[in-house]
PDB file of N, CA and C in Angstrom:
ATOM      1  N   MET A   1      24.919   2.473 -41.978  1.00  0.00           N
ATOM      2  CA  MET A   1      23.987   3.570 -43.040  1.00  0.00           C
ATOM      3  C   MET A   1      22.755   3.903 -42.038  1.00  0.00           C
ATOM      4  N   ASP A   2      22.354   5.369 -41.880  1.00  0.00           N
ATOM      5  CA  ASP A   2      21.294   5.686 -41.645  1.00  0.00           C
ATOM      6  C   ASP A   2      20.265   5.594 -42.252  1.00  0.00           C
ATOM      7  N   THR A   3      19.067   5.892 -41.468  1.00  0.00           N
ATOM      8  CA  THR A   3      17.616   5.873 -42.313  1.00  0.00           C
ATOM      9  C   THR A   3      17.584   6.818 -43.623  1.00  0.00           C
ATOM     10  N   LEU A   4      18.581   7.880 -43.190  1.00  0.00           N
ATOM     11  CA  LEU A   4      18.021   8.989 -44.489  1.00  0.00           C
ATOM     12  C   LEU A   4      18.730   8.735 -45.560  1.00  0.00           C
ATOM     13  N   GLU A   5      20.220   7.357 -45.024  1.00  0.00           N
ATOM     14  CA  GLU A   5      20.741   7.895 -46.663  1.00  0.00           C
ATOM     15  C   GLU A   5      20.330   6.236 -46.912  1.00  0.00           C
ATOM     16  N   GLN A   6      19.190   5.442 -46.045  1.00  0.00           N
ATOM     17  CA  GLN A   6      18.758   4.602 -46.932  1.00  0.00           C
ATOM     18  C   GLN A   6      17.941   4.906 -47.989  1.00  0.00           C
ATOM     19  N   LEU A   7      16.918   6.211 -47.504  1.00  0.00           N
ATOM     20  CA  LEU A   7      16.009   6.298 -47.838  1.00  0.00           C
ATOM     21  C   LEU A   7      16.623   6.892 -49.655  1.00  0.00           C
ATOM     22  N   ALA A   8      17.417   7.621 -49.653  1.00  0.00           N
ATOM     23  CA  ALA A   8      18.326   7.971 -50.534  1.00  0.00           C
ATOM     24  C   ALA A   8      18.653   6.952 -51.608  1.00  0.00           C
ATOM     25  N   LEU A   9      19.237   5.996 -51.378  1.00  0.00           N
ATOM     26  CA  LEU A   9      19.679   4.938 -51.821  1.00  0.00           C
ATOM     27  C   LEU A   9      18.580   4.052 -52.152  1.00  0.00           C
ATOM     28  N   TRP A  10      17.512   3.900 -51.915  1.00  0.00           N
ATOM     29  CA  TRP A  10      16.568   3.094 -52.317  1.00  0.00           C
ATOM     30  C   TRP A  10      15.761   4.026 -53.148  1.00  0.00           C
ATOM     31  N   TYR A  11      15.183   5.222 -52.990  1.00  0.00           N
ATOM     32  CA  TYR A  11      14.964   6.076 -54.223  1.00  0.00           C
ATOM     33  C   TYR A  11      15.631   6.008 -55.310  1.00  0.00           C
ATOM     34  N   LEU A  12      17.111   5.741 -55.653  1.00  0.00           N
ATOM     35  CA  LEU A  12      17.568   5.962 -56.709  1.00  0.00           C
ATOM     36  C   LEU A  12      17.399   4.322 -57.346  1.00  0.00           C
ATOM     37  N   ARG A  13      17.833   3.585 -56.104  1.00  0.00           N
ATOM     38  CA  ARG A  13      17.525   2.387 -56.894  1.00  0.00           C
ATOM     39  C   ARG A  13      16.170   1.888 -57.291  1.00  0.00           C
ATOM     40  N   LEU A  14      14.937   2.449 -56.724  1.00  0.00           N
ATOM     41  CA  LEU A  14      13.947   2.237 -57.626  1.00  0.00           C
ATOM     42  C   LEU A  14      13.299   3.249 -58.585  1.00  0.00           C
ATOM     43  N   ASN A  15      14.328   3.655 -59.018  1.00  0.00           N
ATOM     44  CA  ASN A  15      14.584   4.765 -59.942  1.00  0.00           C
ATOM     45  C   ASN A  15      15.241   4.229 -60.965  1.00  0.00           C
ATOM     46  N   GLY A  16      15.753   3.079 -61.498  1.00  0.00           N
ATOM     47  CA  GLY A  16      17.274   2.724 -62.238  1.00  0.00           C
ATOM     48  C   GLY A  16      18.509   2.860 -62.003  1.00  0.00           C
ATOM     49  N   TYR A  17      18.638   3.137 -60.773  1.00  0.00           N
ATOM     50  CA  TYR A  17      20.186   3.656 -60.393  1.00  0.00           C
ATOM     51  C   TYR A  17      21.160   2.293 -60.030  1.00  0.00           C
ATOM     52  N   PHE A  18      22.148   2.178 -60.719  1.00  0.00           N
ATOM     53  CA  PHE A  18      23.011   0.964 -59.748  1.00  0.00           C
ATOM     54  C   PHE A  18      23.460   2.157 -58.347  1.00  0.00           C
ATOM     55  N   THR A  19      23.691   1.560 -57.025  1.00  0.00           N
ATOM     56  CA  THR A  19      23.777   2.381 -56.425  1.00  0.00           C
ATOM     57  C   THR A  19      25.074   1.687 -55.188  1.00  0.00           C
ATOM     58  N   LEU A  20      25.804   2.466 -54.591  1.00  0.00           N
ATOM     59  CA  LEU A  20      26.932   2.137 -54.199  1.00  0.00           C
ATOM     60  C   LEU A  20      27.243   2.846 -52.779  1.00  0.00           C
ATOM     61  N   PRO A  21      26.499   2.553 -51.589  1.00  0.00           N
ATOM     62  CA  PRO A  21      26.631   3.414 -50.638  1.00  0.00           C
ATOM     63  C   PRO A  21      28.149   3.245 -49.537  1.00  0.00           C
ATOM     64  N   ASN A  22      27.912   4.539 -49.026  1.00  0.00           N
ATOM     65  CA  ASN A  22      29.499   5.087 -48.597  1.00  0.00           C
ATOM     66  C   ASN A  22      30.753   4.569 -49.226  1.00  0.00           C
ATOM     67  N   PHE A  23      30.737   5.455 -50.701  1.00  0.00           N
ATOM     68  CA  PHE A  23      31.641   5.255 -51.666  1.00  0.00           C
ATOM     69  C   PHE A  23      32.936   6.618 -50.933  1.00  0.00           C
ATOM     70  N   ILE A  24      34.081   5.559 -50.497  1.00  0.00           N
ATOM     71  CA  ILE A  24      34.810   6.827 -50.145  1.00  0.00           C
ATOM     72  C   ILE A  24      36.089   6.741 -51.209  1.00  0.00           C
ATOM     73  N   ALA A  25      36.488   7.936 -51.699  1.00  0.00           N
ATOM     74  CA  ALA A  25      37.652   8.004 -52.624  1.00  0.00           C
ATOM     75  C   ALA A  25      39.131   7.996 -51.526  1.00  0.00           C
ATOM     76  N   HIS A  26      39.875   7.013 -52.490  1.00  0.00           N
ATOM     77  CA  HIS A  26      41.419   7.332 -51.144  1.00  0.00           C
ATOM     78  C   HIS A  26      42.454   7.640 -52.546  1.00  0.00           C
ATOM     79  N   ALA A  27      43.380   8.630 -51.886  1.00  0.00           N
ATOM     80  CA  ALA A  27      44.216   8.797 -52.775  1.00  0.00           C
ATOM     81  C   ALA A  27      45.739   8.076 -51.935  1.00  0.00           C
ATOM     82  N   HIS A  28      47.172   8.523 -52.780  1.00  0.00           N
ATOM     83  CA  HIS A  28      47.917   7.559 -52.239  1.00  0.00           C
ATOM     84  C   HIS A  28      48.651   7.790 -50.851  1.00  0.00           C
ATOM     85  N   ASP A  29      47.727   8.729 -50.162  1.00  0.00           N
ATOM     86  CA  ASP A  29      48.230   9.648 -48.872  1.00  0.00           C
ATOM     87  C   ASP A  29      47.316   9.002 -47.966  1.00  0.00           C
ATOM     88  N   GLY A  30      45.483   7.916 -48.371  1.00  0.00           N
ATOM     89  CA  GLY A  30      45.024   8.102 -47.317  1.00  0.00           C
ATOM     90  C   GLY A  30      43.745   8.384 -47.986  1.00  0.00           C
ATOM     91  N   ALA A  31      42.684   8.143 -47.000  1.00  0.00           N
ATOM     92  CA  ALA A  31      40.969   8.908 -47.824  1.00  0.00           C
ATOM     93  C   ALA A  31      41.112  10.220 -47.486  1.00  0.00           C
ATOM     94  N   ARG A  32      40.343  11.150 -48.975  1.00  0.00           N
ATOM     95  CA  ARG A  32      40.138  11.608 -49.063  1.00  0.00           C
ATOM     96  C   ARG A  32      38.821  12.434 -48.669  1.00  0.00           C
ATOM     97  N   THR A  33      37.542  11.670 -48.831  1.00  0.00           N
ATOM     98  CA  THR A  33      36.063  12.043 -48.737  1.00  0.00           C
ATOM     99  C   THR A  33      35.400  11.002 -49.097  1.00  0.00           C
ATOM    100  N   ASP A  34      34.201  10.916 -48.613  1.00  0.00           N
ATOM    101  CA  ASP A  34      33.355   9.783 -48.858  1.00  0.00           C
ATOM    102  C   ASP A  34      31.825  10.499 -49.710  1.00  0.00           C
ATOM    103  N   VAL A  35      31.135   9.611 -50.562  1.00  0.00           N
ATOM    104  CA  VAL A  35      29.246  10.029 -50.822  1.00  0.00           C
ATOM    105  C   VAL A  35      28.906   9.347 -50.156  1.00  0.00           C
ATOM    106  N   ASP A  36      27.727   9.911 -49.588  1.00  0.00           N
ATOM    107  CA  ASP A  36      26.889   8.623 -48.651  1.00  0.00           C
ATOM    108  C   ASP A  36      26.279   7.794 -49.787  1.00  0.00           C
ATOM    109  N   VAL A  37      25.867   8.085 -50.907  1.00  0.00           N
ATOM    110  CA  VAL A  37      25.114   7.110 -51.889  1.00  0.00           C
ATOM    111  C   VAL A  37      25.841   7.659 -53.227  1.00  0.00           C
ATOM    112  N   LEU A  38      26.799   6.878 -54.198  1.00  0.00           N
ATOM    113  CA  LEU A  38      27.170   6.583 -55.709  1.00  0.00           C
ATOM    114  C   LEU A  38      26.012   6.118 -56.126  1.00  0.00           C
ATOM    115  N   GLY A  39      25.393   7.174 -57.461  1.00  0.00           N
ATOM    116  CA  GLY A  39      24.671   5.979 -58.324  1.00  0.00           C
ATOM    117  C   GLY A  39      24.984   6.414 -59.331  1.00  0.00           C
ATOM    118  N   VAL A  40      24.520   5.459 -60.522  1.00  0.00           N
ATOM    119  CA  VAL A  40      24.971   5.378 -61.626  1.00  0.00           C
ATOM    120  C   VAL A  40      23.530   4.886 -62.476  1.00  0.00           C
ATOM    121  N   ARG A  41      22.918   5.432 -63.143  1.00  0.00           N
ATOM    122  CA  ARG A  41      21.884   5.042 -64.397  1.00  0.00           C
ATOM    123  C   ARG A  41      22.268   4.916 -65.991  1.00  0.00           C
ATOM    124  N   PHE A  42      22.195   3.782 -66.353  1.00  0.00           N
ATOM    125  CA  PHE A  42      22.405   3.341 -67.891  1.00  0.00           C
ATOM    126  C   PHE A  42      21.373   4.127 -68.460  1.00  0.00           C
ATOM    127  N   PRO A  43      21.324   4.769 -69.811  1.00  0.00           N
ATOM    128  CA  PRO A  43      20.598   4.827 -70.619  1.00  0.00           C
ATOM    129  C   PRO A  43      18.909   4.310 -71.076  1.00  0.00           C
ATOM    130  N   HIS A  44      19.199   3.045 -70.808  1.00  0.00           N
ATOM    131  CA  HIS A  44      18.271   1.829 -71.097  1.00  0.00           C
ATOM    132  C   HIS A  44      17.711   1.452 -69.613  1.00  0.00           C
ATOM    133  N   SER A  45      17.671   1.699 -68.384  1.00  0.00           N
ATOM    134  CA  SER A  45      17.380   1.166 -67.442  1.00  0.00           C
ATOM    135  C   SER A  45      16.123   1.217 -67.428  1.00  0.00           C
ATOM    136  N   THR A  46      15.241   0.116 -67.388  1.00  0.00           N
ATOM    137  CA  THR A  46      13.800  -0.204 -66.576  1.00  0.00           C
ATOM    138  C   THR A  46      13.712  -1.310 -65.586  1.00  0.00           C
ATOM    139  N   GLU A  47      12.909  -0.868 -64.759  1.00  0.00           N
ATOM    140  CA  GLU A  47      12.430  -1.500 -63.999  1.00  0.00           C
ATOM    141  C   GLU A  47      11.146  -1.635 -63.337  1.00  0.00           C
ATOM    142  N   TYR A  48      11.206  -0.286 -62.522  1.00  0.00           N
ATOM    143  CA  TYR A  48       9.696   0.062 -62.353  1.00  0.00           C
ATOM    144  C   TYR A  48       9.625   1.259 -62.722  1.00  0.00           C
ATOM    145  N   PRO A  49       8.531   2.340 -62.724  1.00  0.00           N
ATOM    146  CA  PRO A  49       8.121   3.267 -63.397  1.00  0.00           C
ATOM    147  C   PRO A  49       8.773   4.391 -63.044  1.00  0.00           C
ATOM    148  N   ASP A  50       9.522   5.541 -63.466  1.00  0.00           N
ATOM    149  CA  ASP A  50      10.043   6.058 -62.810  1.00  0.00           C
ATOM    150  C   ASP A  50       9.564   7.337 -62.435  1.00  0.00           C
ATOM    151  N   ASP A  51       9.906   8.096 -61.095  1.00  0.00           N
ATOM    152  CA  ASP A  51       9.860   9.620 -60.854  1.00  0.00           C
ATOM    153  C   ASP A  51       9.708  10.881 -61.881  1.00  0.00           C
ATOM    154  N   GLY A  52       9.219  10.663 -62.970  1.00  0.00           N
ATOM    155  CA  GLY A  52       9.361  11.572 -64.135  1.00  0.00           C
ATOM    156  C   GLY A  52       9.124  13.273 -63.523  1.00  0.00           C
ATOM    157  N   ALA A  53       8.012  13.046 -62.195  1.00  0.00           N
ATOM    158  CA  ALA A  53       8.478  14.585 -61.743  1.00  0.00           C
ATOM    159  C   ALA A  53       9.000  15.309 -61.248  1.00  0.00           C
ATOM    160  N   HIS A  54      10.225  14.395 -60.764  1.00  0.00           N
ATOM    161  CA  HIS A  54      11.053  14.835 -60.282  1.00  0.00           C
ATOM    162  C   HIS A  54      12.789  14.509 -60.782  1.00  0.00           C
ATOM    163  N   LEU A  55      12.617  13.579 -61.712  1.00  0.00           N
ATOM    164  CA  LEU A  55      14.029  13.097 -62.411  1.00  0.00           C
ATOM    165  C   LEU A  55      13.741  13.465 -63.906  1.00  0.00           C
ATOM    166  N   HIS A  56      14.664  14.300 -64.402  1.00  0.00           N
ATOM    167  CA  HIS A  56      14.709  13.746 -65.799  1.00  0.00           C
ATOM    168  C   HIS A  56      15.784  13.540 -66.311  1.00  0.00           C
ATOM    169  N   PHE A  57      15.460  12.299 -66.953  1.00  0.00           N
ATOM    170  CA  PHE A  57      16.552  11.613 -67.616  1.00  0.00           C
ATOM    171  C   PHE A  57      17.094  11.864 -69.085  1.00  0.00           C
ATOM    172  N   ARG A  58      18.070  12.168 -69.676  1.00  0.00           N
ATOM    173  CA  ARG A  58      18.324  12.297 -71.367  1.00  0.00           C
ATOM    174  C   ARG A  58      18.556  10.879 -72.006  1.00  0.00           C
ATOM    175  N   LEU A  59      18.188  10.926 -73.023  1.00  0.00           N
ATOM    176  CA  LEU A  59      18.175   9.577 -73.552  1.00  0.00           C
ATOM    177  C   LEU A  59      19.413   9.564 -74.003  1.00  0.00           C
ATOM    178  N   ASN A  60      19.589   8.070 -74.053  1.00  0.00           N
ATOM    179  CA  ASN A  60      21.355   7.378 -74.640  1.00  0.00           C
ATOM    180  C   ASN A  60      22.403   8.417 -73.948  1.00  0.00           C
ATOM    181  N   LYS A  61      22.385   8.824 -72.356  1.00  0.00           N
ATOM    182  CA  LYS A  61      23.220   9.156 -71.765  1.00  0.00           C
ATOM    183  C   LYS A  61      23.030   8.232 -70.351  1.00  0.00           C
ATOM    184  N   THR A  62      24.321   8.615 -69.650  1.00  0.00           N
ATOM    185  CA  THR A  62      24.501   7.676 -68.642  1.00  0.00           C
ATOM    186  C   THR A  62      24.800   8.871 -67.527  1.00  0.00           C
ATOM    187  N   ASP A  63      23.167   8.500 -66.467  1.00  0.00           N
ATOM    188  CA  ASP A  63      23.453   9.508 -65.139  1.00  0.00           C
ATOM    189  C   ASP A  63      24.635   8.989 -64.161  1.00  0.00           C
ATOM    190  N   VAL A  64      25.304   9.865 -63.434  1.00  0.00           N
ATOM    191  CA  VAL A  64      25.829   9.734 -62.581  1.00  0.00           C
ATOM    192  C   VAL A  64      25.681  10.970 -61.080  1.00  0.00           C
ATOM    193  N   VAL A  65      25.035  10.127 -60.287  1.00  0.00           N
ATOM    194  CA  VAL A  65      24.876  10.768 -58.654  1.00  0.00           C
ATOM    195  C   VAL A  65      25.414  10.754 -57.878  1.00  0.00           C
ATOM    196  N   LEU A  66      26.258  11.720 -57.127  1.00  0.00           N
ATOM    197  CA  LEU A  66      26.542  11.771 -55.804  1.00  0.00           C
ATOM    198  C   LEU A  66      25.675  12.597 -55.000  1.00  0.00           C
ATOM    199  N   THR A  67      25.649  11.857 -54.148  1.00  0.00           N
ATOM    200  CA  THR A  67      24.402  12.026 -52.753  1.00  0.00           C
ATOM    201  C   THR A  67      25.127  12.184 -51.669  1.00  0.00           C
ATOM    202  N   GLU A  68      25.150  13.287 -50.967  1.00  0.00           N
ATOM    203  CA  GLU A  68      25.400  13.779 -49.648  1.00  0.00           C
ATOM    204  C   GLU A  68      23.890  14.056 -48.913  1.00  0.00           C
ATOM    205  N   VAL A  69      24.019  12.936 -47.869  1.00  0.00           N
ATOM    206  CA  VAL A  69      22.376  13.268 -47.190  1.00  0.00           C
ATOM    207  C   VAL A  69      22.607  14.241 -46.050  1.00  0.00           C
ATOM    208  N   LYS A  70      21.884  15.019 -45.724  1.00  0.00           N
ATOM    209  CA  LYS A  70      21.887  15.831 -44.749  1.00  0.00           C
ATOM    210  C   LYS A  70      20.807  16.066 -43.953  1.00  0.00           C
ATOM    211  N   THR A  71      20.057  16.141 -42.783  1.00  0.00           N
ATOM    212  CA  THR A  71      19.070  16.845 -42.455  1.00  0.00           C
ATOM    213  C   THR A  71      19.256  18.058 -42.182  1.00  0.00           C
ATOM    214  N   GLY A  72      17.967  18.682 -41.894  1.00  0.00           N
ATOM    215  CA  GLY A  72      17.835  20.419 -41.654  1.00  0.00           C
ATOM    216  C   GLY A  72      17.914  20.801 -42.868  1.00  0.00           C
ATOM    217  N   GLU A  73      18.229  22.155 -42.809  1.00  0.00           N
ATOM    218  CA  GLU A  73      18.368  23.048 -44.340  1.00  0.00           C
ATOM    219  C   GLU A  73      20.110  22.384 -44.743  1.00  0.00           C
ATOM    220  N   CYS A  74      20.073  22.678 -46.278  1.00  0.00           N
ATOM    221  CA  CYS A  74      20.792  22.188 -47.158  1.00  0.00           C
ATOM    222  C   CYS A  74      22.335  22.556 -46.708  1.00  0.00           C
ATOM    223  N   ALA A  75      23.268  21.864 -47.039  1.00  0.00           N
ATOM    224  CA  ALA A  75      24.773  22.190 -46.236  1.00  0.00           C
ATOM    225  C   ALA A  75      25.643  21.308 -46.780  1.00  0.00           C
ATOM    226  N   LEU A  76      27.010  21.838 -46.889  1.00  0.00           N
ATOM    227  CA  LEU A  76      28.111  20.334 -47.628  1.00  0.00           C
ATOM    228  C   LEU A  76      29.221  20.491 -46.065  1.00  0.00           C
ATOM    229  N   ASN A  77      29.559  19.177 -46.074  1.00  0.00           N
ATOM    230  CA  ASN A  77      30.429  19.167 -45.126  1.00  0.00           C
ATOM    231  C   ASN A  77      31.563  19.771 -45.099  1.00  0.00           C
ATOM    232  N   GLY A  78      32.720  20.301 -44.677  1.00  0.00           N
ATOM    233  CA  GLY A  78      33.572  21.213 -44.520  1.00  0.00           C
ATOM    234  C   GLY A  78      34.557  20.487 -45.669  1.00  0.00           C
ATOM    235  N   PRO A  79      35.386  19.490 -46.116  1.00  0.00           N
ATOM    236  CA  PRO A  79      35.903  19.053 -46.583  1.00  0.00           C
ATOM    237  C   PRO A  79      35.786  19.031 -48.446  1.00  0.00           C
ATOM    238  N   TRP A  80      34.032  19.529 -48.422  1.00  0.00           N
ATOM    239  CA  TRP A  80      33.634  19.464 -49.512  1.00  0.00           C
ATOM    240  C   TRP A  80      33.565  20.933 -50.262  1.00  0.00           C
ATOM    241  N   LYS A  81      33.510  21.920 -49.161  1.00  0.00           N
ATOM    242  CA  LYS A  81      33.398  23.148 -49.664  1.00  0.00           C
ATOM    243  C   LYS A  81      35.124  23.944 -49.395  1.00  0.00           C
ATOM    244  N   GLY A  82      36.117  23.398 -48.764  1.00  0.00           N
ATOM    245  CA  GLY A  82      36.946  23.716 -48.640  1.00  0.00           C
ATOM    246  C   GLY A  82      37.610  24.058 -50.035  1.00  0.00           C
ATOM    247  N   LYS A  83      38.705  24.690 -49.885  1.00  0.00           N
ATOM    248  CA  LYS A  83      39.865  24.611 -51.079  1.00  0.00           C
ATOM    249  C   LYS A  83      41.292  24.637 -50.542  1.00  0.00           C
ATOM    250  N   SER A  84      41.002  23.556 -49.561  1.00  0.00           N
ATOM    251  CA  SER A  84      42.390  22.708 -49.427  1.00  0.00           C
ATOM    252  C   SER A  84      43.529  22.322 -50.630  1.00  0.00           C
ATOM    253  N   ALA A  85      44.189  21.405 -50.296  1.00  0.00           N
ATOM    254  CA  ALA A  85      45.273  21.093 -51.410  1.00  0.00           C
ATOM    255  C   ALA A  85      44.193  19.593 -51.695  1.00  0.00           C
ATOM    256  N   LYS A  86      43.582  18.967 -50.794  1.00  0.00           N
ATOM    257  CA  LYS A  86      42.997  17.783 -51.252  1.00  0.00           C
ATOM    258  C   LYS A  86      42.023  17.431 -51.923  1.00  0.00           C
ATOM    259  N   GLN A  87      41.184  18.436 -52.129  1.00  0.00           N
ATOM    260  CA  GLN A  87      40.414  18.345 -53.139  1.00  0.00           C
ATOM    261  C   GLN A  87      39.584  17.728 -53.236  1.00  0.00           C
ATOM    262  N   PRO A  88      38.328  17.456 -52.365  1.00  0.00           N
ATOM    263  CA  PRO A  88      37.630  16.157 -52.050  1.00  0.00           C
ATOM    264  C   PRO A  88      36.722  16.155 -53.610  1.00  0.00           C
ATOM    265  N   LEU A  89      36.184  16.645 -54.264  1.00  0.00           N
ATOM    266  CA  LEU A  89      35.627  16.778 -55.415  1.00  0.00           C
ATOM    267  C   LEU A  89      36.013  16.702 -56.503  1.00  0.00           C
ATOM    268  N   GLU A  90      37.130  17.138 -56.526  1.00  0.00           N
ATOM    269  CA  GLU A  90      38.064  16.509 -57.552  1.00  0.00           C
ATOM    270  C   GLU A  90      38.575  14.901 -57.462  1.00  0.00           C
ATOM    271  N   CYS A  91      38.731  14.877 -56.536  1.00  0.00           N
ATOM    272  CA  CYS A  91      39.134  13.508 -56.175  1.00  0.00           C
ATOM    273  C   CYS A  91      38.066  12.347 -56.536  1.00  0.00           C
ATOM    274  N   ILE A  92      36.999  12.574 -55.925  1.00  0.00           N
ATOM    275  CA  ILE A  92      35.632  11.830 -56.473  1.00  0.00           C
ATOM    276  C   ILE A  92      35.314  11.815 -57.866  1.00  0.00           C
ATOM    277  N   LEU A  93      35.534  12.359 -58.155  1.00  0.00           N
ATOM    278  CA  LEU A  93      35.191  12.646 -60.066  1.00  0.00           C
ATOM    279  C   LEU A  93      36.292  11.829 -61.172  1.00  0.00           C
ATOM    280  N   LYS A  94      37.773  12.337 -60.486  1.00  0.00           N
ATOM    281  CA  LYS A  94      38.772  10.942 -61.038  1.00  0.00           C
ATOM    282  C   LYS A  94      38.579   9.559 -60.444  1.00  0.00           C
ATOM    283  N   ARG A  95      38.297   9.950 -59.327  1.00  0.00           N
ATOM    284  CA  ARG A  95      38.137   7.784 -59.108  1.00  0.00           C
ATOM    285  C   ARG A  95      36.852   7.312 -59.867  1.00  0.00           C
ATOM    286  N   VAL A  96      35.505   8.206 -59.955  1.00  0.00           N
ATOM    287  CA  VAL A  96      34.586   7.602 -60.727  1.00  0.00           C
ATOM    288  C   VAL A  96      35.048   7.261 -62.303  1.00  0.00           C
ATOM    289  N   GLY A  97      36.099   8.361 -62.676  1.00  0.00           N
ATOM    290  CA  GLY A  97      36.449   8.095 -64.222  1.00  0.00           C
ATOM    291  C   GLY A  97      35.419   8.927 -65.037  1.00  0.00           C
ATOM    292  N   LEU A  98      34.756  10.510 -64.687  1.00  0.00           N
ATOM    293  CA  LEU A  98      33.682  10.813 -65.611  1.00  0.00           C
ATOM    294  C   LEU A  98      34.270  11.587 -66.610  1.00  0.00           C
ATOM    295  N   PHE A  99      35.877  12.267 -66.521  1.00  0.00           N
ATOM    296  CA  PHE A  99      36.341  13.000 -67.059  1.00  0.00           C
ATOM    297  C   PHE A  99      37.488  12.248 -67.566  1.00  0.00           C
ATOM    298  N   ASP A 100      38.111  12.931 -68.641  1.00  0.00           N
ATOM    299  CA  ASP A 100      39.389  12.359 -68.917  1.00  0.00           C
ATOM    300  C   ASP A 100      40.564  13.005 -67.760  1.00  0.00           C
ATOM    301  N   SER A 101      41.498  12.240 -67.441  1.00  0.00           N
ATOM    302  CA  SER A 101      42.323  12.887 -65.938  1.00  0.00           C
ATOM    303  C   SER A 101      43.144  13.965 -66.923  1.00  0.00           C
ATOM    304  N   ASN A 102      43.414  14.041 -67.862  1.00  0.00           N
ATOM    305  CA  ASN A 102      44.384  14.884 -68.761  1.00  0.00           C
ATOM    306  C   ASN A 102      43.572  15.874 -68.459  1.00  0.00           C
ATOM    307  N   ALA A 103      42.028  16.049 -68.568  1.00  0.00           N
ATOM    308  CA  ALA A 103      41.186  17.759 -69.010  1.00  0.00           C
ATOM    309  C   ALA A 103      41.605  18.513 -67.970  1.00  0.00           C
ATOM    310  N   TRP A 104      41.984  17.985 -66.384  1.00  0.00           N
ATOM    311  CA  TRP A 104      42.051  18.278 -64.989  1.00  0.00           C
ATOM    312  C   TRP A 104      43.603  19.518 -65.361  1.00  0.00           C
TER     313      TRP A 104
END
């Protein structure tokens, strides 16, 4: 994990998120893609004062963050923006379980 990924992880961690670095989504045919930092924040999480100037939490809602860390200008990796059969974002969302799989 490089320095910028650690910075993202600790920023989320100190703002009440449970964090998981380098989350890899797999399918029956192997790894599909990864998320540099996966973060989950539950509605009543408290530990340190939150960064209210940049993060806006909704009461009684669980917040899930898929973090891709880049240097320079904002850009997505090829697998994230391609329209291949693998559909990496869909794979991540299904693996994390954010939505009913019947909705896809």
